């Protein structure tokens, strides 16, 4: 799955669709962080300016629309499971700032990609034998995959 598609999927799980301008800005921001491999960039000076140039708008507009999307996400009740998976335990008492939000989603995607990479490298080497029939089965391999994801997340 393409990197952008993963970002869009997470935003959809959070209840955010392309009808919000901030959605495109978030996708572009996380892609920028991924492509530049930099989690320590000055958001307002570099990131917002770059995104604003792409969309022919101002950096203040980019910042405001991302903040608006975060506000919408935090007001929804239906996405508590995904919020708890992406953000630390403090997400329930306070919503994150723009940079914290972007980096949390970026780290979430990266950690899942790392777990997938570890699993794919080892899936032919490691077979989990089913205790029911002493053979490798899809269900048991799925359990192994989930265990690997839990270790590396």
Protein backbone atom coordinates (compact mmCIF):
# COMPACT_ATOMS: atom_id res chain seq x y z
CA UNK A 1 0.00 0.00 0.00
CA UNK A 2 1.30 3.43 -0.88
CA UNK A 3 2.39 5.69 1.95
CA UNK A 4 -0.28 8.31 1.17
CA UNK A 5 -2.97 5.63 1.14
CA UNK A 6 -1.94 4.58 4.65
CA UNK A 7 -2.25 8.16 5.89
CA UNK A 8 -5.66 8.54 4.25
CA UNK A 9 -6.81 5.23 5.75
CA UNK A 10 -5.87 6.37 9.25
CA UNK A 11 -7.63 9.71 8.73
CA UNK A 12 -10.75 7.87 7.54
CA UNK A 13 -10.62 5.67 10.63
CA UNK A 14 -10.51 8.90 12.64
CA UNK A 15 -13.59 10.17 10.75
CA UNK A 16 -11.80 12.66 8.49
CA UNK A 17 -12.41 12.71 4.74
CA UNK A 18 -11.24 14.88 1.84
CA UNK A 19 -14.06 17.34 2.37
CA UNK A 20 -11.81 19.05 4.94
CA UNK A 21 -8.97 21.14 3.51
CA UNK A 22 -6.82 20.17 6.46
CA UNK A 23 -6.97 16.53 5.35
CA UNK A 24 -4.85 17.25 2.28
CA UNK A 25 -2.48 19.36 4.35
CA UNK A 26 -2.05 16.54 6.88
CA UNK A 27 -1.35 13.98 4.16
CA UNK A 28 1.21 16.28 2.53
CA UNK A 29 2.81 17.11 5.89
CA UNK A 30 3.26 13.49 6.92
CA UNK A 31 4.56 12.61 3.45
CA UNK A 32 7.04 15.52 3.75
CA UNK A 33 8.24 14.22 7.13
CA UNK A 34 8.60 10.72 5.66
CA UNK A 35 10.45 11.84 2.52
CA UNK A 36 12.84 14.08 4.44
CA UNK A 37 13.19 11.56 7.27
CA UNK A 38 13.10 14.42 9.74
CA UNK A 39 11.02 14.54 12.88
CA UNK A 40 12.93 17.54 14.21
CA UNK A 41 11.96 20.14 11.63
CA UNK A 42 10.58 23.55 12.53
CA UNK A 43 6.93 23.12 11.65
CA UNK A 44 5.90 26.74 11.18
CA UNK A 45 8.99 27.85 9.26
CA UNK A 46 9.66 24.90 6.95
CA UNK A 47 6.75 22.47 6.88
CA UNK A 48 3.83 24.90 6.71
CA UNK A 49 5.67 27.06 4.16
CA UNK A 50 6.33 24.07 1.90
CA UNK A 51 2.73 22.84 2.12
CA UNK A 52 1.43 26.38 1.53
CA UNK A 53 3.50 26.64 -1.66
CA UNK A 54 2.10 23.31 -2.91
CA UNK A 55 -1.49 24.45 -2.40
CA UNK A 56 -0.99 28.11 -3.28
CA UNK A 57 -2.10 29.38 0.12
CA UNK A 58 -0.56 30.87 3.26
CA UNK A 59 1.25 28.98 6.01
CA UNK A 60 -1.27 30.42 8.50
CA UNK A 61 -4.09 28.82 6.49
CA UNK A 62 -2.28 25.45 6.55
CA UNK A 63 -1.76 25.66 10.32
CA UNK A 64 -5.37 26.69 10.97
CA UNK A 65 -6.88 23.95 8.80
CA UNK A 66 -4.74 21.22 10.39
CA UNK A 67 -5.76 22.50 13.83
CA UNK A 68 -9.43 22.46 12.74
CA UNK A 69 -9.17 18.79 11.69
CA UNK A 70 -7.60 17.92 15.05
CA UNK A 71 -10.47 19.72 16.81
CA UNK A 72 -13.01 17.72 14.79
CA UNK A 73 -11.28 14.42 15.55
CA UNK A 74 -11.20 15.15 19.27
CA UNK A 75 -14.90 16.04 19.35
CA UNK A 76 -15.95 12.70 17.81
CA UNK A 77 -16.79 9.90 20.21
CA UNK A 78 -16.57 6.99 17.80
CA UNK A 79 -12.79 6.89 17.28
CA UNK A 80 -11.52 6.25 20.80
CA UNK A 81 -9.96 2.89 19.90
CA UNK A 82 -7.78 4.26 17.11
CA UNK A 83 -6.90 7.34 19.19
CA UNK A 84 -5.67 5.15 22.02
CA UNK A 85 -3.63 3.11 19.53
CA UNK A 86 -1.95 6.15 17.93
CA UNK A 87 -1.57 8.53 20.87
CA UNK A 88 -0.30 8.12 24.41
CA UNK A 89 -2.64 7.77 27.36
CA UNK A 90 -2.91 11.55 27.79
CA UNK A 91 -4.97 11.87 24.60
CA UNK A 92 -8.16 11.62 26.66
CA UNK A 93 -7.43 14.70 28.75
CA UNK A 94 -5.92 16.95 26.10
CA UNK A 95 -5.71 17.12 22.36
CA UNK A 96 -2.24 17.35 20.79
CA UNK A 97 -0.76 20.32 19.01
CA UNK A 98 -0.30 20.16 15.26
CA UNK A 99 3.29 18.90 15.36
CA UNK A 100 2.53 16.28 18.01
CA UNK A 101 -0.47 15.10 15.98
CA UNK A 102 1.52 14.81 12.74
CA UNK A 103 4.44 13.04 14.40
CA UNK A 104 2.16 10.61 16.24
CA UNK A 105 0.50 9.52 13.01
CA UNK A 106 3.91 9.34 11.29
CA UNK A 107 5.34 7.19 14.10
CA UNK A 108 2.26 4.97 14.05
CA UNK A 109 2.66 4.29 10.33
CA UNK A 110 6.42 3.75 10.63
CA UNK A 111 6.06 1.29 13.51
CA UNK A 112 3.51 -0.76 11.56
CA UNK A 113 5.75 -0.76 8.48
CA UNK A 114 8.66 -1.98 10.61
CA UNK A 115 6.57 -4.80 12.08
CA UNK A 116 5.37 -5.77 8.60
CA UNK A 117 8.97 -5.77 7.35
CA UNK A 118 10.14 -7.99 10.23
CA UNK A 119 7.26 -10.39 9.66
CA UNK A 120 7.78 -10.54 5.89
CA UNK A 121 11.51 -11.20 6.33
CA UNK A 122 10.83 -14.08 8.70
CA UNK A 123 7.53 -15.58 7.58
CA UNK A 124 9.25 -18.27 5.48
CA UNK A 125 11.76 -19.05 8.22
CA UNK A 126 9.38 -19.26 11.15
CA UNK A 127 6.29 -21.40 11.10
CA UNK A 128 4.01 -21.57 14.07
CA UNK A 129 2.79 -25.12 14.48
CA UNK A 130 -0.86 -25.45 15.36
CA UNK A 131 -1.33 -27.33 18.64
CA UNK A 132 -4.55 -28.88 17.27
CA UNK A 133 -3.14 -30.71 14.24
CA UNK A 134 0.67 -30.32 14.51
CA UNK A 135 0.79 -28.51 11.15
CA UNK A 136 1.30 -24.92 10.11
CA UNK A 137 -2.00 -23.12 9.57
CA UNK A 138 -3.11 -19.65 8.52
CA UNK A 139 -4.77 -18.96 11.87
CA UNK A 140 -1.59 -19.75 13.81
CA UNK A 141 0.55 -17.73 11.41
CA UNK A 142 -1.83 -14.81 11.96
CA UNK A 143 -1.28 -15.17 15.71
CA UNK A 144 2.48 -15.12 15.08
CA UNK A 145 2.12 -11.99 12.94
CA UNK A 146 0.14 -10.21 15.68
CA UNK A 147 2.72 -11.22 18.28
CA UNK A 148 5.54 -9.80 16.16
CA UNK A 149 3.59 -6.56 15.66
CA UNK A 150 3.07 -6.25 19.43
CA UNK A 151 6.77 -6.76 20.12
CA UNK A 152 7.91 -4.09 17.66
CA UNK A 153 5.22 -1.46 18.23
